[in-house]
N, C-alpha and C. Protein backbone atom coordinates (compact mmCIF):
# COMPACT_ATOMS: atom_id res chain seq x y z
N MET A 1 137.52 97.57 61.50
CA MET A 1 136.87 98.87 61.32
C MET A 1 135.63 98.96 62.19
N ALA A 2 134.80 97.90 62.15
CA ALA A 2 133.56 97.87 62.93
C ALA A 2 133.87 97.90 64.42
N GLU A 3 134.93 97.16 64.82
CA GLU A 3 135.30 97.12 66.24
C GLU A 3 135.77 98.50 66.71
N ASN A 4 136.53 99.21 65.89
CA ASN A 4 136.98 100.55 66.24
C ASN A 4 135.81 101.50 66.40
N LYS A 5 134.82 101.37 65.52
CA LYS A 5 133.63 102.22 65.58
C LYS A 5 132.86 101.96 66.86
N LYS A 6 132.70 100.68 67.23
CA LYS A 6 132.00 100.33 68.46
C LYS A 6 132.75 100.88 69.67
N SER A 7 134.07 100.82 69.63
CA SER A 7 134.88 101.32 70.75
C SER A 7 134.69 102.82 70.92
N VAL A 8 134.67 103.56 69.79
CA VAL A 8 134.49 105.01 69.84
C VAL A 8 133.10 105.35 70.40
N VAL A 9 132.08 104.63 69.95
CA VAL A 9 130.71 104.87 70.42
C VAL A 9 130.61 104.58 71.91
N SER A 10 131.26 103.49 72.36
CA SER A 10 131.23 103.12 73.78
C SER A 10 131.89 104.20 74.63
N LYS A 11 133.07 104.68 74.19
CA LYS A 11 133.78 105.72 74.94
C LYS A 11 132.96 107.00 74.99
N ARG A 12 132.31 107.34 73.87
CA ARG A 12 131.49 108.54 73.83
C ARG A 12 130.30 108.41 74.77
N HIS A 13 129.71 107.20 74.82
CA HIS A 13 128.57 106.96 75.70
C HIS A 13 128.97 107.13 77.17
N ILE A 14 130.13 106.59 77.53
CA ILE A 14 130.62 106.73 78.90
C ILE A 14 130.92 108.19 79.20
N LYS A 15 131.52 108.89 78.23
CA LYS A 15 131.85 110.30 78.42
C LYS A 15 130.59 111.13 78.65
N ASN A 16 129.50 110.78 77.96
CA ASN A 16 128.24 111.50 78.14
C ASN A 16 127.71 111.36 79.55
N TYR A 17 127.98 110.23 80.19
CA TYR A 17 127.54 110.04 81.56
C TYR A 17 128.40 110.83 82.53
N LEU A 18 129.64 111.10 82.18
CA LEU A 18 130.53 111.88 83.04
C LEU A 18 130.52 113.33 82.55
N ILE A 19 129.44 114.03 82.84
CA ILE A 19 129.28 115.41 82.40
C ILE A 19 130.28 116.31 83.10
N ASN A 20 130.40 116.12 84.41
CA ASN A 20 131.40 116.85 85.20
C ASN A 20 132.29 115.80 85.86
N ARG A 21 133.30 115.39 85.12
CA ARG A 21 134.13 114.24 85.52
C ARG A 21 134.70 114.41 86.93
N HIS A 22 135.25 115.59 87.22
CA HIS A 22 135.93 115.81 88.51
C HIS A 22 134.97 115.63 89.68
N ASP A 23 133.83 116.32 89.64
CA ASP A 23 132.91 116.27 90.77
C ASP A 23 132.18 114.93 90.86
N GLN A 24 131.81 114.37 89.71
CA GLN A 24 131.12 113.08 89.74
C GLN A 24 132.01 111.98 90.30
N LEU A 25 133.26 111.91 89.81
CA LEU A 25 134.17 110.88 90.31
C LEU A 25 134.55 111.12 91.77
N ARG A 26 134.55 112.37 92.18
CA ARG A 26 134.82 112.68 93.58
C ARG A 26 133.72 112.12 94.48
N ILE A 27 132.47 112.29 94.06
CA ILE A 27 131.35 111.73 94.83
C ILE A 27 131.41 110.21 94.85
N VAL A 28 131.75 109.62 93.70
CA VAL A 28 131.88 108.15 93.64
C VAL A 28 132.97 107.68 94.59
N LEU A 29 134.10 108.38 94.61
CA LEU A 29 135.21 108.01 95.48
C LEU A 29 134.83 108.11 96.95
N ILE A 30 134.16 109.20 97.33
CA ILE A 30 133.73 109.37 98.72
C ILE A 30 132.78 108.25 99.12
N THR A 31 131.85 107.92 98.21
CA THR A 31 130.90 106.83 98.49
C THR A 31 131.62 105.51 98.68
N LEU A 32 132.63 105.25 97.84
CA LEU A 32 133.39 104.00 97.94
C LEU A 32 134.18 103.95 99.25
N ILE A 33 134.67 105.08 99.70
CA ILE A 33 135.40 105.10 100.97
C ILE A 33 134.47 104.75 102.12
N TYR A 34 133.30 105.38 102.15
CA TYR A 34 132.32 105.06 103.19
C TYR A 34 131.91 103.59 103.12
N LEU A 35 131.69 103.10 101.91
CA LEU A 35 131.29 101.71 101.73
C LEU A 35 132.39 100.77 102.19
N SER A 36 133.63 101.13 101.89
CA SER A 36 134.76 100.29 102.32
C SER A 36 134.83 100.19 103.83
N VAL A 37 134.62 101.31 104.51
CA VAL A 37 134.65 101.30 105.98
C VAL A 37 133.55 100.40 106.52
N ILE A 38 132.36 100.51 105.93
CA ILE A 38 131.24 99.69 106.39
C ILE A 38 131.51 98.20 106.15
N VAL A 39 132.03 97.88 104.95
CA VAL A 39 132.33 96.49 104.62
C VAL A 39 133.39 95.93 105.55
N ILE A 40 134.44 96.71 105.81
CA ILE A 40 135.51 96.24 106.70
C ILE A 40 134.97 95.95 108.09
N LEU A 41 134.11 96.84 108.59
CA LEU A 41 133.53 96.64 109.92
C LEU A 41 132.67 95.38 109.96
N ILE A 42 131.82 95.21 108.93
CA ILE A 42 130.93 94.04 108.90
C ILE A 42 131.72 92.75 108.76
N VAL A 43 132.67 92.75 107.82
CA VAL A 43 133.49 91.55 107.61
C VAL A 43 134.32 91.24 108.86
N GLY A 44 134.84 92.29 109.48
CA GLY A 44 135.61 92.09 110.69
C GLY A 44 134.78 91.47 111.81
N ILE A 45 133.54 91.96 111.96
CA ILE A 45 132.65 91.40 113.00
C ILE A 45 132.31 89.94 112.71
N VAL A 46 132.04 89.66 111.41
CA VAL A 46 131.67 88.29 111.02
C VAL A 46 132.84 87.32 111.18
N LEU A 47 134.03 87.77 110.79
CA LEU A 47 135.19 86.87 110.78
C LEU A 47 136.00 86.89 112.07
N TYR A 48 135.68 87.81 112.97
CA TYR A 48 136.48 87.92 114.20
C TYR A 48 136.54 86.62 115.01
N PRO A 49 135.43 85.88 115.20
CA PRO A 49 135.52 84.63 115.98
C PRO A 49 136.52 83.64 115.38
N TYR A 50 136.54 83.57 114.05
CA TYR A 50 137.46 82.62 113.40
C TYR A 50 138.91 83.10 113.54
N LEU A 51 139.12 84.40 113.39
CA LEU A 51 140.47 84.94 113.57
C LEU A 51 140.96 84.76 115.00
N SER A 52 140.02 84.92 115.93
CA SER A 52 140.37 84.74 117.34
C SER A 52 140.82 83.31 117.60
N ASP A 53 140.07 82.34 117.04
CA ASP A 53 140.44 80.94 117.22
C ASP A 53 141.77 80.61 116.53
N ILE A 54 141.99 81.21 115.36
CA ILE A 54 143.22 80.92 114.61
C ILE A 54 144.45 81.40 115.36
N PHE A 55 144.38 82.59 115.92
CA PHE A 55 145.57 83.20 116.52
C PHE A 55 145.71 82.96 118.03
N PHE A 56 144.60 82.70 118.70
CA PHE A 56 144.66 82.62 120.16
C PHE A 56 144.32 81.24 120.74
N SER A 57 143.73 80.37 119.93
CA SER A 57 143.39 79.04 120.45
C SER A 57 144.65 78.16 120.50
N LYS A 58 144.73 77.36 121.52
CA LYS A 58 145.88 76.46 121.66
C LYS A 58 145.60 75.08 121.09
N ASP A 59 144.33 74.86 120.71
CA ASP A 59 143.93 73.57 120.13
C ASP A 59 144.18 73.64 118.62
N LEU A 60 145.06 72.79 118.11
CA LEU A 60 145.38 72.79 116.68
C LEU A 60 144.19 72.42 115.82
N ASN A 61 143.34 71.54 116.34
CA ASN A 61 142.16 71.13 115.59
C ASN A 61 141.20 72.31 115.40
N ILE A 62 141.03 73.10 116.47
CA ILE A 62 140.16 74.28 116.39
C ILE A 62 140.77 75.30 115.43
N GLN A 63 142.09 75.45 115.50
CA GLN A 63 142.75 76.38 114.60
C GLN A 63 142.56 75.98 113.14
N TYR A 64 142.66 74.67 112.89
CA TYR A 64 142.51 74.17 111.52
C TYR A 64 141.10 74.41 111.01
N ARG A 65 140.11 74.02 111.84
CA ARG A 65 138.71 74.19 111.42
C ARG A 65 138.36 75.68 111.23
N SER A 66 138.86 76.53 112.12
CA SER A 66 138.59 77.96 112.01
C SER A 66 139.23 78.55 110.76
N SER A 67 140.43 78.10 110.46
CA SER A 67 141.11 78.61 109.25
C SER A 67 140.38 78.17 107.99
N GLN A 68 139.86 76.90 107.99
CA GLN A 68 139.10 76.42 106.84
C GLN A 68 137.80 77.22 106.67
N ALA A 69 137.10 77.44 107.79
CA ALA A 69 135.86 78.22 107.73
C ALA A 69 136.14 79.67 107.31
N PHE A 70 137.26 80.22 107.82
CA PHE A 70 137.64 81.59 107.47
C PHE A 70 137.90 81.73 105.97
N LEU A 71 138.65 80.81 105.41
CA LEU A 71 138.96 80.85 103.97
C LEU A 71 137.70 80.65 103.13
N LEU A 72 136.80 79.78 103.60
CA LEU A 72 135.56 79.54 102.87
C LEU A 72 134.69 80.79 102.84
N LEU A 73 134.53 81.41 104.00
CA LEU A 73 133.72 82.63 104.07
C LEU A 73 134.36 83.75 103.25
N LEU A 74 135.67 83.86 103.35
CA LEU A 74 136.38 84.91 102.62
C LEU A 74 136.24 84.73 101.11
N SER A 75 136.31 83.47 100.66
CA SER A 75 136.18 83.20 99.23
C SER A 75 134.78 83.52 98.72
N ARG A 76 133.79 83.44 99.60
CA ARG A 76 132.41 83.76 99.20
C ARG A 76 132.10 85.26 99.34
N LEU A 77 132.72 85.87 100.33
CA LEU A 77 132.45 87.30 100.58
C LEU A 77 133.11 88.20 99.55
N LEU A 78 134.35 87.88 99.16
CA LEU A 78 135.08 88.77 98.26
C LEU A 78 134.36 89.01 96.93
N PRO A 79 133.86 87.97 96.24
CA PRO A 79 133.12 88.23 94.99
C PRO A 79 131.88 89.08 95.22
N VAL A 80 131.18 88.81 96.33
CA VAL A 80 129.97 89.58 96.63
C VAL A 80 130.31 91.05 96.87
N VAL A 81 131.38 91.28 97.64
CA VAL A 81 131.82 92.65 97.91
C VAL A 81 132.23 93.34 96.61
N GLY A 82 132.93 92.61 95.74
CA GLY A 82 133.34 93.18 94.46
C GLY A 82 132.15 93.57 93.61
N ILE A 83 131.14 92.70 93.56
CA ILE A 83 129.93 93.01 92.79
C ILE A 83 129.21 94.22 93.37
N ILE A 84 129.15 94.28 94.71
CA ILE A 84 128.50 95.43 95.37
C ILE A 84 129.21 96.72 95.00
N PHE A 85 130.54 96.71 95.02
CA PHE A 85 131.31 97.90 94.68
C PHE A 85 131.05 98.33 93.24
N ILE A 86 131.02 97.36 92.32
CA ILE A 86 130.76 97.68 90.91
C ILE A 86 129.37 98.28 90.74
N LEU A 87 128.37 97.68 91.38
CA LEU A 87 126.99 98.19 91.29
C LEU A 87 126.88 99.60 91.88
N VAL A 88 127.57 99.83 92.99
CA VAL A 88 127.53 101.16 93.61
C VAL A 88 128.16 102.21 92.69
N VAL A 89 129.28 101.87 92.05
CA VAL A 89 129.93 102.81 91.13
C VAL A 89 129.00 103.15 89.97
N ILE A 90 128.40 102.12 89.38
CA ILE A 90 127.48 102.35 88.25
C ILE A 90 126.29 103.19 88.70
N HIS A 91 125.74 102.84 89.86
CA HIS A 91 124.58 103.57 90.38
C HIS A 91 124.93 105.03 90.65
N GLN A 92 126.08 105.29 91.24
CA GLN A 92 126.48 106.66 91.56
C GLN A 92 126.72 107.48 90.29
N ILE A 93 127.31 106.87 89.28
CA ILE A 93 127.53 107.59 88.02
C ILE A 93 126.20 107.96 87.38
N ILE A 94 125.25 107.03 87.40
CA ILE A 94 123.93 107.32 86.81
C ILE A 94 123.21 108.41 87.60
N ILE A 95 123.26 108.31 88.93
CA ILE A 95 122.58 109.30 89.77
C ILE A 95 123.19 110.69 89.57
N THR A 96 124.53 110.77 89.63
CA THR A 96 125.18 112.07 89.46
C THR A 96 124.97 112.62 88.05
N HIS A 97 124.85 111.72 87.07
CA HIS A 97 124.57 112.15 85.70
C HIS A 97 123.20 112.82 85.62
N ARG A 98 122.22 112.26 86.34
CA ARG A 98 120.87 112.82 86.32
C ARG A 98 120.77 114.12 87.12
N ILE A 99 121.77 114.39 87.95
CA ILE A 99 121.81 115.66 88.68
C ILE A 99 122.61 116.70 87.90
N TRP A 100 123.80 116.30 87.42
CA TRP A 100 124.66 117.26 86.73
C TRP A 100 124.13 117.64 85.36
N GLY A 101 123.36 116.77 84.72
CA GLY A 101 122.76 117.14 83.43
C GLY A 101 121.90 118.39 83.54
N PRO A 102 120.91 118.40 84.44
CA PRO A 102 120.11 119.61 84.64
C PRO A 102 120.93 120.80 85.13
N LEU A 103 121.95 120.55 85.97
CA LEU A 103 122.78 121.65 86.47
C LEU A 103 123.51 122.35 85.33
N VAL A 104 124.05 121.57 84.40
CA VAL A 104 124.73 122.16 83.24
C VAL A 104 123.73 122.95 82.40
N ASN A 105 122.54 122.38 82.23
CA ASN A 105 121.48 123.06 81.48
C ASN A 105 121.09 124.37 82.15
N ILE A 106 120.93 124.32 83.48
CA ILE A 106 120.57 125.52 84.24
C ILE A 106 121.67 126.57 84.14
N THR A 107 122.94 126.13 84.26
CA THR A 107 124.07 127.06 84.19
C THR A 107 124.11 127.77 82.85
N ASN A 108 123.94 127.02 81.76
CA ASN A 108 123.96 127.63 80.43
C ASN A 108 122.79 128.59 80.23
N THR A 109 121.63 128.22 80.78
CA THR A 109 120.46 129.09 80.66
C THR A 109 120.68 130.40 81.43
N ILE A 110 121.23 130.31 82.65
CA ILE A 110 121.49 131.50 83.44
C ILE A 110 122.50 132.41 82.75
N LYS A 111 123.51 131.82 82.09
CA LYS A 111 124.47 132.62 81.34
C LYS A 111 123.77 133.40 80.23
N MET A 112 122.84 132.75 79.53
CA MET A 112 122.11 133.42 78.46
C MET A 112 121.22 134.53 79.01
N VAL A 113 120.58 134.27 80.14
CA VAL A 113 119.76 135.31 80.78
C VAL A 113 120.64 136.48 81.19
N GLY A 114 121.85 136.19 81.67
CA GLY A 114 122.76 137.24 82.10
C GLY A 114 123.15 138.19 80.98
N ILE A 115 123.16 137.71 79.73
CA ILE A 115 123.51 138.59 78.60
C ILE A 115 122.25 139.12 77.91
N GLY A 116 121.09 138.85 78.52
CA GLY A 116 119.85 139.44 78.01
C GLY A 116 119.02 138.56 77.11
N ASP A 117 119.41 137.30 76.92
CA ASP A 117 118.64 136.39 76.07
C ASP A 117 117.65 135.60 76.93
N LEU A 118 116.36 135.93 76.79
CA LEU A 118 115.33 135.26 77.58
C LEU A 118 114.55 134.23 76.77
N THR A 119 115.13 133.81 75.65
CA THR A 119 114.44 132.84 74.81
C THR A 119 114.77 131.40 75.18
N ARG A 120 115.86 131.22 75.94
CA ARG A 120 116.28 129.87 76.31
C ARG A 120 115.53 129.41 77.54
N LYS A 121 115.12 128.15 77.54
CA LYS A 121 114.45 127.54 78.69
C LYS A 121 115.23 126.28 79.11
N VAL A 122 114.93 125.81 80.31
CA VAL A 122 115.56 124.60 80.83
C VAL A 122 114.60 123.44 80.60
N PHE A 123 115.05 122.44 79.85
CA PHE A 123 114.22 121.27 79.55
C PHE A 123 114.92 120.01 80.06
N PRO A 124 114.59 119.57 81.27
CA PRO A 124 115.21 118.35 81.80
C PRO A 124 114.73 117.12 81.03
N ARG A 125 115.56 116.09 81.03
CA ARG A 125 115.18 114.83 80.40
C ARG A 125 114.23 114.06 81.30
N ARG A 126 113.65 113.01 80.78
CA ARG A 126 112.58 112.29 81.49
C ARG A 126 113.03 111.78 82.85
N ASN A 127 114.25 111.26 82.95
CA ASN A 127 114.71 110.66 84.21
C ASN A 127 115.60 111.58 85.03
N ASP A 128 115.71 112.84 84.63
CA ASP A 128 116.57 113.78 85.36
C ASP A 128 115.93 114.17 86.70
N TYR A 129 116.82 114.55 87.63
CA TYR A 129 116.36 115.15 88.88
C TYR A 129 116.28 116.67 88.69
N LEU A 130 115.93 117.38 89.77
CA LEU A 130 115.86 118.85 89.78
C LEU A 130 114.80 119.39 88.81
N LYS A 131 113.77 118.59 88.53
CA LYS A 131 112.73 119.07 87.61
C LYS A 131 111.96 120.25 88.19
N ASN A 132 111.73 120.23 89.50
CA ASN A 132 111.02 121.34 90.14
C ASN A 132 111.83 122.63 90.03
N GLN A 133 113.16 122.52 90.23
CA GLN A 133 114.01 123.70 90.11
C GLN A 133 114.04 124.21 88.67
N CYS A 134 114.04 123.29 87.71
CA CYS A 134 114.00 123.70 86.29
C CYS A 134 112.70 124.43 85.99
N ARG A 135 111.60 123.92 86.54
CA ARG A 135 110.29 124.57 86.32
C ARG A 135 110.29 125.98 86.91
N GLN A 136 110.87 126.13 88.11
CA GLN A 136 110.89 127.45 88.75
C GLN A 136 111.74 128.44 87.95
N ILE A 137 112.86 127.97 87.38
CA ILE A 137 113.69 128.85 86.56
C ILE A 137 112.95 129.26 85.30
N ASN A 138 112.23 128.32 84.69
CA ASN A 138 111.44 128.65 83.50
C ASN A 138 110.35 129.67 83.84
N GLU A 139 109.72 129.52 85.01
CA GLU A 139 108.71 130.49 85.43
C GLU A 139 109.34 131.86 85.66
N MET A 140 110.56 131.89 86.22
CA MET A 140 111.26 133.15 86.42
C MET A 140 111.55 133.83 85.09
N ILE A 141 112.00 133.04 84.10
CA ILE A 141 112.29 133.60 82.78
C ILE A 141 111.02 134.14 82.13
N GLU A 142 109.92 133.40 82.28
CA GLU A 142 108.64 133.86 81.72
C GLU A 142 108.19 135.15 82.39
N SER A 143 108.39 135.26 83.70
CA SER A 143 108.01 136.47 84.43
C SER A 143 108.86 137.66 83.97
N LEU A 144 110.18 137.44 83.83
CA LEU A 144 111.05 138.50 83.33
C LEU A 144 110.66 138.92 81.92
N SER A 145 110.35 137.94 81.09
CA SER A 145 109.94 138.23 79.72
C SER A 145 108.68 139.09 79.70
N SER A 146 107.75 138.76 80.60
CA SER A 146 106.50 139.51 80.67
C SER A 146 106.75 140.95 81.09
N HIS A 147 107.60 141.15 82.12
CA HIS A 147 107.91 142.50 82.59
C HIS A 147 108.60 143.31 81.49
N ILE A 148 109.55 142.70 80.82
CA ILE A 148 110.29 143.42 79.77
C ILE A 148 109.38 143.72 78.59
N SER A 149 108.47 142.81 78.30
CA SER A 149 107.51 143.05 77.22
C SER A 149 106.63 144.25 77.54
N ASN A 150 106.20 144.33 78.82
CA ASN A 150 105.39 145.49 79.24
C ASN A 150 106.20 146.78 79.15
N LEU A 151 107.48 146.70 79.56
CA LEU A 151 108.34 147.88 79.47
C LEU A 151 108.48 148.34 78.02
N ARG A 152 108.69 147.39 77.12
CA ARG A 152 108.83 147.74 75.71
C ARG A 152 107.55 148.38 75.17
N GLU A 153 106.42 147.79 75.55
CA GLU A 153 105.13 148.29 75.06
C GLU A 153 104.88 149.72 75.56
N ASN A 154 105.10 149.93 76.87
CA ASN A 154 104.86 151.27 77.43
C ASN A 154 105.90 152.28 76.93
N HIS A 155 107.13 151.80 76.70
CA HIS A 155 108.14 152.68 76.12
C HIS A 155 107.74 153.10 74.72
N ALA A 156 107.21 152.16 73.94
CA ALA A 156 106.78 152.48 72.58
C ALA A 156 105.62 153.48 72.62
N LYS A 157 104.67 153.30 73.57
CA LYS A 157 103.56 154.24 73.69
C LYS A 157 104.04 155.64 74.06
N LEU A 158 104.99 155.70 75.02
CA LEU A 158 105.52 156.99 75.44
C LEU A 158 106.25 157.67 74.29
N THR A 159 107.04 156.90 73.56
CA THR A 159 107.76 157.46 72.41
C THR A 159 106.79 158.00 71.37
N GLY A 160 105.73 157.21 71.11
CA GLY A 160 104.72 157.66 70.14
C GLY A 160 104.01 158.92 70.61
N THR A 161 103.72 158.98 71.91
CA THR A 161 103.06 160.17 72.46
C THR A 161 103.95 161.40 72.32
N LEU A 162 105.24 161.26 72.63
CA LEU A 162 106.17 162.38 72.50
C LEU A 162 106.30 162.84 71.05
N VAL A 163 106.30 161.87 70.11
CA VAL A 163 106.38 162.23 68.69
C VAL A 163 105.13 163.00 68.28
N ASP A 164 103.96 162.50 68.71
CA ASP A 164 102.70 163.18 68.36
C ASP A 164 102.67 164.59 68.92
N ILE A 165 103.13 164.73 70.17
CA ILE A 165 103.10 166.05 70.80
C ILE A 165 104.07 167.00 70.11
N SER A 166 105.27 166.49 69.79
CA SER A 166 106.26 167.35 69.12
C SER A 166 105.76 167.81 67.76
N GLU A 167 104.97 166.97 67.09
CA GLU A 167 104.44 167.33 65.77
C GLU A 167 103.27 168.30 65.87
N SER A 168 102.54 168.25 66.99
CA SER A 168 101.34 169.08 67.09
C SER A 168 101.46 170.21 68.10
N ILE A 169 102.67 170.39 68.66
CA ILE A 169 102.82 171.40 69.72
C ILE A 169 102.54 172.82 69.20
N GLU A 170 102.82 173.04 67.93
CA GLU A 170 102.56 174.37 67.37
C GLU A 170 101.07 174.67 67.28
N ASN A 171 100.26 173.60 67.26
CA ASN A 171 98.81 173.78 67.12
C ASN A 171 98.10 173.86 68.46
N LEU A 172 98.88 173.78 69.57
CA LEU A 172 98.26 173.88 70.90
C LEU A 172 98.05 175.35 71.23
N ASN A 173 96.78 175.72 71.30
CA ASN A 173 96.45 177.13 71.47
C ASN A 173 96.08 177.49 72.90
N THR A 174 95.65 176.52 73.66
CA THR A 174 95.18 176.83 75.01
C THR A 174 96.01 176.07 76.04
N ARG A 175 95.92 176.59 77.27
CA ARG A 175 96.61 175.95 78.38
C ARG A 175 96.05 174.57 78.67
N ASN A 176 94.73 174.42 78.50
CA ASN A 176 94.08 173.14 78.76
C ASN A 176 94.59 172.05 77.80
N GLU A 177 94.77 172.40 76.55
CA GLU A 177 95.28 171.44 75.59
C GLU A 177 96.71 171.02 75.94
N PHE A 178 97.49 172.01 76.37
CA PHE A 178 98.87 171.71 76.75
C PHE A 178 98.92 170.81 77.99
N GLU A 179 98.06 171.09 78.98
CA GLU A 179 98.01 170.27 80.19
C GLU A 179 97.52 168.85 79.87
N ALA A 180 96.60 168.74 78.92
CA ALA A 180 96.11 167.41 78.52
C ALA A 180 97.25 166.58 77.94
N CYS A 181 98.11 167.21 77.16
CA CYS A 181 99.27 166.51 76.60
C CYS A 181 100.24 166.09 77.71
N LEU A 182 100.45 166.99 78.66
CA LEU A 182 101.33 166.65 79.77
C LEU A 182 100.77 165.50 80.60
N ASN A 183 99.48 165.51 80.83
CA ASN A 183 98.84 164.42 81.59
C ASN A 183 98.97 163.09 80.85
N LYS A 184 98.87 163.13 79.54
CA LYS A 184 99.03 161.90 78.76
C LYS A 184 100.43 161.34 78.91
N ILE A 185 101.42 162.26 78.86
CA ILE A 185 102.81 161.83 79.06
C ILE A 185 102.99 161.29 80.47
N ARG A 186 102.38 161.96 81.46
CA ARG A 186 102.52 161.53 82.86
C ARG A 186 101.97 160.12 83.06
N ARG A 187 100.85 159.81 82.42
CA ARG A 187 100.27 158.47 82.55
C ARG A 187 101.19 157.41 81.96
N GLU A 188 101.78 157.73 80.81
CA GLU A 188 102.70 156.77 80.19
C GLU A 188 103.94 156.56 81.07
N VAL A 189 104.44 157.65 81.68
CA VAL A 189 105.60 157.55 82.56
C VAL A 189 105.25 156.74 83.80
N GLU A 190 104.04 156.93 84.33
CA GLU A 190 103.62 156.16 85.51
C GLU A 190 103.56 154.66 85.21
N LEU A 191 103.11 154.32 84.00
CA LEU A 191 103.10 152.90 83.61
C LEU A 191 104.52 152.34 83.54
N LEU A 192 105.43 153.12 82.97
CA LEU A 192 106.82 152.69 82.92
C LEU A 192 107.41 152.54 84.32
N THR A 193 107.11 153.50 85.18
CA THR A 193 107.61 153.45 86.56
C THR A 193 107.07 152.23 87.29
N LYS A 194 105.81 151.89 87.04
CA LYS A 194 105.21 150.71 87.67
C LYS A 194 105.91 149.44 87.22
N ASP A 195 106.23 149.35 85.94
CA ASP A 195 106.93 148.16 85.42
C ASP A 195 108.35 148.08 85.98
N ILE A 196 109.02 149.23 86.05
CA ILE A 196 110.41 149.24 86.55
C ILE A 196 110.46 148.92 88.03
N SER A 197 109.41 149.33 88.78
CA SER A 197 109.40 149.10 90.23
C SER A 197 109.32 147.62 90.59
N CYS A 198 108.99 146.77 89.62
CA CYS A 198 108.96 145.32 89.88
C CYS A 198 110.36 144.78 90.15
N PHE A 199 111.38 145.49 89.67
CA PHE A 199 112.76 145.04 89.84
C PHE A 199 113.36 145.73 91.05
N LYS A 200 114.04 144.95 91.88
CA LYS A 200 114.70 145.49 93.07
C LYS A 200 116.20 145.25 92.95
N LEU A 201 116.96 146.32 93.22
CA LEU A 201 118.41 146.24 93.15
C LEU A 201 119.01 146.40 94.53
N GLU A 202 120.24 145.96 94.67
CA GLU A 202 120.93 146.11 95.94
C GLU A 202 121.10 147.60 96.25
N GLY A 203 120.71 147.99 97.45
CA GLY A 203 120.78 149.39 97.83
C GLY A 203 119.44 150.08 97.79
N ASP A 204 118.43 149.41 97.15
CA ASP A 204 117.10 150.00 97.13
C ASP A 204 116.49 149.94 98.51
N ASN A 205 115.74 150.96 98.88
CA ASN A 205 115.06 150.97 100.18
C ASN A 205 113.78 150.17 100.11
C-alpha cells in the first residue's frame, strides 16, 4: 500500500514538471540531437588515431595496442556520455518547467482579462523565469483596472446628474439655469470621453 502511494506521488511530481509535455519533450529531444552530434564529433576526433591504426596499420602489434587503447577509452567515455545525457535531460526539463509554468499562468490570466475579469494577477514562483514579463502584465491589468474604475465613477456621476436634472427640469425658469445644467452634463461627458480616449482600437486615426 505504502509503495503504491509513493509511486503515485512520484508520477504526479514528474507530471507537474511536464506542464506542456509535447513542447517540453520536443525541446529536450532537439537538445539531445545537438548534443549527440557534438559528442560523436568529439569522440570521433579523439578515437580517430586508434581507428586509423586498427584498420590501416600493417603492424599487428600496433593494431593490437590501438585496439586495446580504443576499447579502454570507449569503456570510460560511454558511462561519462550517458551521465551527461541524463543530466542534460533533467536540466532541460527543469528549465522548461520554469518557463512553461509562468506561460500557463500568463495564458490563463489573459483569458480572464479577455472575458472582463481584471481581478486575476500573474504570480510567478520563486525560481520561475519571465518574472519581468509577469510584472509588466500585472502593471497592464492595474492600468486597465484604473481606467475602468474612472469610467465607472464618471458614468455614475453623469447618471446622477441626468437624474437630478430630470427631477428638477420643471423648476428651471431661466435660460441661464438651463445652460448651467447643460454645461454640467458637458463636463461629465468630457471626463468620460477623456477616459475612453485612453483606449485605441484598430481603425482609429
